[in-house]
Amino acid sequence: VTACNTGAVTLASQTNPFTSAIPVEPETVSTSSVTSTTASASSVTVLASNASRKLAVFVNDSDKIAYVKLGGTASITSYSYKLQPNSTLELAQPVYTGVVDAIWETSPTGAMRVTELT
């Protein structure tokens, strides 16, 4: 057993790395491009590849489910997102910059509305 001294104790000063904020400027975009692709029961490209893409938003403005694929040739068994009618998808960060294809269930009416920010 070690006896404790009852005198004052001084601890070395420590810097908390989480309190030293580094200012981060929000990224800005200067261009918005809005396109519309008619819904189809065959795979169609709804957004071309673009290395400058910062954000992409998809609105399934149709009466059928859209199967959206990050990549080429979407199908109802090969897709990345299943987008219900009248619903919206915003690509996650870091944003995918390749081609995006989509296919809808049989006999769709409507379109895919896409907004791309660069």
N, C-alpha and C. Protein backbone atom coordinates (compact mmCIF):
# COMPACT_ATOMS: atom_id res chain seq x y z
N VAL A 1 0.86 -1.17 0.00
CA VAL A 1 0.00 0.00 0.00
C VAL A 1 0.89 1.22 0.00
N THR A 2 0.59 2.17 -0.88
CA THR A 2 1.38 3.40 -0.98
C THR A 2 0.61 4.51 -0.31
N ALA A 3 1.28 5.26 0.50
CA ALA A 3 0.63 6.38 1.18
C ALA A 3 0.49 7.53 0.21
N CYS A 4 -0.60 8.29 0.33
CA CYS A 4 -0.86 9.43 -0.54
C CYS A 4 -0.45 10.70 0.18
N ASN A 5 0.13 11.61 -0.54
CA ASN A 5 0.44 12.93 -0.01
C ASN A 5 -0.81 13.77 -0.16
N THR A 6 -1.18 14.52 0.83
CA THR A 6 -2.40 15.32 0.77
C THR A 6 -2.15 16.70 0.22
N GLY A 7 -0.96 16.97 -0.32
CA GLY A 7 -0.66 18.28 -0.89
C GLY A 7 -1.36 18.48 -2.23
N ALA A 8 -1.28 19.69 -2.76
CA ALA A 8 -1.90 20.04 -4.03
C ALA A 8 -1.22 19.31 -5.18
N VAL A 9 -1.99 18.96 -6.17
CA VAL A 9 -1.48 18.27 -7.35
C VAL A 9 -1.70 19.17 -8.56
N THR A 10 -0.68 19.34 -9.35
CA THR A 10 -0.80 20.13 -10.57
C THR A 10 -0.66 19.20 -11.76
N LEU A 11 -1.66 19.21 -12.63
CA LEU A 11 -1.63 18.38 -13.83
C LEU A 11 -1.08 19.18 -15.00
N ALA A 12 -0.37 18.52 -15.87
CA ALA A 12 0.15 19.17 -17.07
C ALA A 12 -1.02 19.61 -17.94
N SER A 13 -0.90 20.74 -18.55
CA SER A 13 -1.94 21.26 -19.43
C SER A 13 -2.01 20.42 -20.71
N GLN A 14 -3.22 20.09 -21.12
CA GLN A 14 -3.42 19.32 -22.35
C GLN A 14 -4.36 20.09 -23.26
N THR A 15 -4.11 19.97 -24.54
CA THR A 15 -4.97 20.61 -25.53
C THR A 15 -5.93 19.56 -26.08
N ASN A 16 -7.20 19.88 -26.07
CA ASN A 16 -8.20 18.98 -26.62
C ASN A 16 -8.24 19.17 -28.14
N PRO A 17 -7.88 18.15 -28.92
CA PRO A 17 -7.85 18.32 -30.38
C PRO A 17 -9.23 18.57 -30.99
N PHE A 18 -10.29 18.26 -30.25
CA PHE A 18 -11.63 18.45 -30.79
C PHE A 18 -12.17 19.85 -30.57
N THR A 19 -11.47 20.65 -29.79
CA THR A 19 -11.92 22.02 -29.56
C THR A 19 -11.20 23.02 -30.45
N SER A 20 -10.19 22.58 -31.16
CA SER A 20 -9.45 23.45 -32.06
C SER A 20 -10.10 23.38 -33.43
N ALA A 21 -11.09 24.21 -33.65
CA ALA A 21 -11.85 24.17 -34.91
C ALA A 21 -11.03 24.72 -36.06
N ILE A 22 -11.09 24.01 -37.16
CA ILE A 22 -10.48 24.47 -38.40
C ILE A 22 -11.62 24.93 -39.29
N PRO A 23 -11.60 26.20 -39.67
CA PRO A 23 -12.71 26.69 -40.48
C PRO A 23 -12.77 25.97 -41.83
N VAL A 24 -13.95 25.56 -42.21
CA VAL A 24 -14.17 24.88 -43.49
C VAL A 24 -15.19 25.68 -44.27
N GLU A 25 -14.78 26.10 -45.45
CA GLU A 25 -15.68 26.85 -46.32
C GLU A 25 -16.61 25.88 -47.03
N PRO A 26 -17.91 26.14 -47.06
CA PRO A 26 -18.81 25.24 -47.80
C PRO A 26 -18.51 25.29 -49.30
N GLU A 27 -18.62 24.14 -49.92
CA GLU A 27 -18.39 24.08 -51.36
C GLU A 27 -19.56 24.73 -52.07
N THR A 28 -19.25 25.48 -53.09
CA THR A 28 -20.30 26.13 -53.86
C THR A 28 -20.33 25.56 -55.27
N VAL A 29 -21.46 25.70 -55.91
CA VAL A 29 -21.62 25.27 -57.30
C VAL A 29 -22.11 26.45 -58.10
N SER A 30 -21.79 26.44 -59.38
CA SER A 30 -22.17 27.57 -60.21
C SER A 30 -23.12 27.22 -61.34
N THR A 31 -23.33 25.92 -61.56
CA THR A 31 -24.16 25.52 -62.70
C THR A 31 -25.18 24.47 -62.28
N SER A 32 -26.41 24.67 -62.72
CA SER A 32 -27.49 23.72 -62.50
C SER A 32 -28.05 23.34 -63.86
N SER A 33 -28.14 22.05 -64.10
CA SER A 33 -28.70 21.57 -65.36
C SER A 33 -29.89 20.66 -65.04
N VAL A 34 -31.05 20.97 -65.61
CA VAL A 34 -32.25 20.19 -65.37
C VAL A 34 -32.66 19.52 -66.67
N THR A 35 -32.81 18.18 -66.61
CA THR A 35 -33.20 17.42 -67.79
C THR A 35 -34.38 16.52 -67.45
N SER A 36 -35.01 16.02 -68.49
CA SER A 36 -36.15 15.12 -68.33
C SER A 36 -36.01 13.99 -69.34
N THR A 37 -36.15 12.75 -68.85
CA THR A 37 -36.08 11.57 -69.71
C THR A 37 -37.40 10.83 -69.60
N THR A 38 -38.03 10.56 -70.73
CA THR A 38 -39.31 9.85 -70.75
C THR A 38 -39.16 8.46 -70.15
N ALA A 39 -40.09 8.10 -69.26
CA ALA A 39 -40.10 6.77 -68.64
C ALA A 39 -40.21 5.70 -69.72
N SER A 40 -39.49 4.59 -69.51
CA SER A 40 -39.45 3.54 -70.51
C SER A 40 -39.32 2.18 -69.84
N ALA A 41 -39.92 1.18 -70.45
CA ALA A 41 -39.78 -0.20 -69.96
C ALA A 41 -38.49 -0.83 -70.48
N SER A 42 -37.67 -0.04 -71.19
CA SER A 42 -36.33 -0.45 -71.62
C SER A 42 -35.33 0.46 -70.93
N SER A 43 -34.13 -0.03 -70.67
CA SER A 43 -33.11 0.76 -69.99
C SER A 43 -32.75 2.01 -70.80
N VAL A 44 -32.74 3.16 -70.13
CA VAL A 44 -32.36 4.42 -70.77
C VAL A 44 -31.39 5.16 -69.86
N THR A 45 -30.54 5.98 -70.47
CA THR A 45 -29.64 6.82 -69.70
C THR A 45 -30.38 8.05 -69.23
N VAL A 46 -30.39 8.28 -67.91
CA VAL A 46 -31.06 9.46 -67.36
C VAL A 46 -30.05 10.54 -66.98
N LEU A 47 -28.77 10.15 -66.88
CA LEU A 47 -27.72 11.13 -66.58
C LEU A 47 -26.39 10.62 -67.13
N ALA A 48 -25.78 11.42 -68.00
CA ALA A 48 -24.49 11.04 -68.58
C ALA A 48 -23.38 11.19 -67.56
N SER A 49 -22.27 10.51 -67.79
CA SER A 49 -21.09 10.61 -66.95
C SER A 49 -20.59 12.05 -66.95
N ASN A 50 -20.17 12.55 -65.76
CA ASN A 50 -19.67 13.92 -65.66
C ASN A 50 -18.73 14.03 -64.47
N ALA A 51 -17.43 14.15 -64.74
CA ALA A 51 -16.43 14.21 -63.68
C ALA A 51 -16.56 15.47 -62.83
N SER A 52 -17.27 16.49 -63.31
CA SER A 52 -17.44 17.74 -62.57
C SER A 52 -18.68 17.73 -61.67
N ARG A 53 -19.43 16.65 -61.65
CA ARG A 53 -20.67 16.58 -60.87
C ARG A 53 -20.40 16.75 -59.37
N LYS A 54 -21.19 17.62 -58.73
CA LYS A 54 -21.12 17.83 -57.29
C LYS A 54 -22.34 17.24 -56.58
N LEU A 55 -23.47 17.19 -57.29
CA LEU A 55 -24.72 16.69 -56.71
C LEU A 55 -25.66 16.33 -57.85
N ALA A 56 -26.49 15.32 -57.61
CA ALA A 56 -27.53 14.97 -58.57
C ALA A 56 -28.79 14.58 -57.80
N VAL A 57 -29.93 15.09 -58.29
CA VAL A 57 -31.23 14.81 -57.68
C VAL A 57 -32.14 14.24 -58.77
N PHE A 58 -32.80 13.12 -58.45
CA PHE A 58 -33.68 12.44 -59.39
C PHE A 58 -35.09 12.45 -58.83
N VAL A 59 -36.07 12.80 -59.66
CA VAL A 59 -37.48 12.74 -59.27
C VAL A 59 -38.18 11.80 -60.24
N ASN A 60 -38.74 10.72 -59.70
CA ASN A 60 -39.49 9.79 -60.52
C ASN A 60 -40.91 10.35 -60.69
N ASP A 61 -41.06 11.16 -61.72
CA ASP A 61 -42.33 11.83 -62.00
C ASP A 61 -43.14 10.93 -62.95
N SER A 62 -43.39 9.70 -62.49
CA SER A 62 -44.14 8.75 -63.31
C SER A 62 -45.11 7.96 -62.44
N ASP A 63 -45.87 7.09 -63.09
CA ASP A 63 -46.87 6.29 -62.38
C ASP A 63 -46.36 4.90 -62.02
N LYS A 64 -45.08 4.59 -62.32
CA LYS A 64 -44.52 3.26 -62.07
C LYS A 64 -43.20 3.38 -61.30
N ILE A 65 -42.80 2.28 -60.68
CA ILE A 65 -41.51 2.22 -59.99
C ILE A 65 -40.39 2.32 -61.02
N ALA A 66 -39.37 3.14 -60.69
CA ALA A 66 -38.17 3.25 -61.53
C ALA A 66 -37.02 2.54 -60.82
N TYR A 67 -36.29 1.74 -61.56
CA TYR A 67 -35.11 1.06 -61.05
C TYR A 67 -33.91 1.84 -61.58
N VAL A 68 -33.23 2.54 -60.69
CA VAL A 68 -32.13 3.43 -61.05
C VAL A 68 -30.81 2.72 -60.78
N LYS A 69 -29.93 2.71 -61.77
CA LYS A 69 -28.64 2.04 -61.63
C LYS A 69 -27.49 3.02 -61.77
N LEU A 70 -26.59 2.99 -60.80
CA LEU A 70 -25.34 3.74 -60.92
C LEU A 70 -24.43 2.91 -61.80
N GLY A 71 -24.54 3.16 -63.09
CA GLY A 71 -23.83 2.37 -64.11
C GLY A 71 -24.75 2.17 -65.30
N GLY A 72 -24.27 1.43 -66.25
CA GLY A 72 -25.02 1.23 -67.49
C GLY A 72 -25.95 0.04 -67.45
N THR A 73 -27.00 0.12 -68.24
CA THR A 73 -27.98 -0.94 -68.47
C THR A 73 -28.68 -1.41 -67.20
N ALA A 74 -29.64 -0.63 -66.77
CA ALA A 74 -30.46 -0.98 -65.61
C ALA A 74 -31.47 -2.06 -65.99
N SER A 75 -31.84 -2.86 -65.01
CA SER A 75 -32.92 -3.84 -65.19
C SER A 75 -33.64 -3.97 -63.85
N ILE A 76 -34.75 -4.69 -63.84
CA ILE A 76 -35.48 -4.86 -62.58
C ILE A 76 -34.77 -5.83 -61.64
N THR A 77 -33.68 -6.42 -62.09
CA THR A 77 -32.86 -7.28 -61.22
C THR A 77 -31.44 -6.74 -61.05
N SER A 78 -31.06 -5.69 -61.78
CA SER A 78 -29.74 -5.08 -61.67
C SER A 78 -29.91 -3.58 -61.55
N TYR A 79 -29.97 -3.10 -60.32
CA TYR A 79 -30.20 -1.68 -60.06
C TYR A 79 -29.59 -1.29 -58.73
N SER A 80 -29.46 0.01 -58.51
CA SER A 80 -28.91 0.54 -57.25
C SER A 80 -30.00 1.06 -56.33
N TYR A 81 -31.04 1.65 -56.91
CA TYR A 81 -32.15 2.24 -56.13
C TYR A 81 -33.48 1.87 -56.76
N LYS A 82 -34.46 1.58 -55.93
CA LYS A 82 -35.82 1.32 -56.38
C LYS A 82 -36.62 2.56 -55.98
N LEU A 83 -36.97 3.37 -56.97
CA LEU A 83 -37.57 4.67 -56.74
C LEU A 83 -39.07 4.62 -57.01
N GLN A 84 -39.84 4.78 -55.95
CA GLN A 84 -41.30 4.74 -56.06
C GLN A 84 -41.82 5.91 -56.90
N PRO A 85 -43.03 5.80 -57.47
CA PRO A 85 -43.61 6.91 -58.22
C PRO A 85 -43.67 8.17 -57.36
N ASN A 86 -43.39 9.31 -57.97
CA ASN A 86 -43.45 10.62 -57.32
C ASN A 86 -42.53 10.73 -56.11
N SER A 87 -41.38 10.04 -56.15
CA SER A 87 -40.42 10.15 -55.06
C SER A 87 -39.09 10.70 -55.59
N THR A 88 -38.24 11.12 -54.63
CA THR A 88 -36.99 11.80 -54.96
C THR A 88 -35.79 11.04 -54.41
N LEU A 89 -34.71 11.08 -55.16
CA LEU A 89 -33.44 10.48 -54.76
C LEU A 89 -32.35 11.52 -54.93
N GLU A 90 -31.55 11.73 -53.89
CA GLU A 90 -30.37 12.59 -53.97
C GLU A 90 -29.16 11.69 -53.79
N LEU A 91 -28.22 11.75 -54.73
CA LEU A 91 -27.03 10.91 -54.64
C LEU A 91 -26.25 11.23 -53.38
N ALA A 92 -25.76 10.18 -52.72
CA ALA A 92 -24.98 10.32 -51.49
C ALA A 92 -23.60 10.89 -51.79
N GLN A 93 -22.98 11.45 -50.75
CA GLN A 93 -21.61 11.96 -50.85
C GLN A 93 -20.64 10.87 -50.41
N PRO A 94 -19.50 10.68 -51.02
CA PRO A 94 -19.06 11.43 -52.20
C PRO A 94 -19.91 11.05 -53.40
N VAL A 95 -20.22 12.03 -54.21
CA VAL A 95 -21.16 11.83 -55.31
C VAL A 95 -20.54 10.97 -56.42
N TYR A 96 -21.37 10.07 -56.92
CA TYR A 96 -21.01 9.21 -58.05
C TYR A 96 -21.02 10.07 -59.31
N THR A 97 -19.97 9.97 -60.15
CA THR A 97 -19.86 10.82 -61.34
C THR A 97 -20.03 10.06 -62.65
N GLY A 98 -20.31 8.77 -62.58
CA GLY A 98 -20.48 7.97 -63.80
C GLY A 98 -21.88 8.07 -64.38
N VAL A 99 -22.14 7.27 -65.40
CA VAL A 99 -23.44 7.24 -66.06
C VAL A 99 -24.49 6.65 -65.12
N VAL A 100 -25.72 7.15 -65.24
CA VAL A 100 -26.85 6.64 -64.46
C VAL A 100 -27.95 6.24 -65.44
N ASP A 101 -28.37 4.97 -65.36
CA ASP A 101 -29.45 4.46 -66.21
C ASP A 101 -30.67 4.13 -65.36
N ALA A 102 -31.80 4.03 -66.00
CA ALA A 102 -33.04 3.66 -65.30
C ALA A 102 -33.94 2.85 -66.22
N ILE A 103 -34.81 2.08 -65.60
CA ILE A 103 -35.84 1.33 -66.30
C ILE A 103 -37.08 1.34 -65.40
N TRP A 104 -38.24 1.37 -66.01
CA TRP A 104 -39.49 1.39 -65.26
C TRP A 104 -40.25 0.09 -65.46
N GLU A 105 -41.21 -0.14 -64.60
CA GLU A 105 -42.10 -1.29 -64.77
C GLU A 105 -42.88 -1.11 -66.06
N THR A 106 -43.55 -2.15 -66.50
CA THR A 106 -44.27 -2.19 -67.77
C THR A 106 -45.24 -1.02 -67.95
N SER A 107 -45.23 -0.45 -69.14
CA SER A 107 -46.14 0.62 -69.58
C SER A 107 -46.15 1.84 -68.67
N PRO A 108 -44.99 2.45 -68.43
CA PRO A 108 -44.96 3.64 -67.58
C PRO A 108 -45.44 4.89 -68.31
N THR A 109 -45.96 5.82 -67.56
CA THR A 109 -46.33 7.14 -68.06
C THR A 109 -45.63 8.17 -67.19
N GLY A 110 -44.90 9.08 -67.82
CA GLY A 110 -44.21 10.12 -67.05
C GLY A 110 -42.76 10.21 -67.46
N ALA A 111 -41.93 10.69 -66.51
CA ALA A 111 -40.52 10.93 -66.82
C ALA A 111 -39.68 10.93 -65.56
N MET A 112 -38.37 10.88 -65.77
CA MET A 112 -37.41 11.08 -64.69
C MET A 112 -36.90 12.52 -64.84
N ARG A 113 -37.09 13.32 -63.82
CA ARG A 113 -36.60 14.70 -63.80
C ARG A 113 -35.28 14.70 -63.03
N VAL A 114 -34.22 15.19 -63.67
CA VAL A 114 -32.89 15.16 -63.05
C VAL A 114 -32.31 16.56 -62.98
N THR A 115 -31.82 16.92 -61.80
CA THR A 115 -31.08 18.15 -61.62
C THR A 115 -29.65 17.78 -61.26
N GLU A 116 -28.70 18.29 -62.04
CA GLU A 116 -27.28 18.03 -61.80
C GLU A 116 -26.60 19.35 -61.50
N LEU A 117 -25.83 19.38 -60.41
CA LEU A 117 -25.07 20.57 -60.05
C LEU A 117 -23.59 20.32 -60.31
N THR A 118 -22.96 21.30 -60.96
CA THR A 118 -21.52 21.19 -61.25
C THR A 118 -20.80 22.44 -60.80
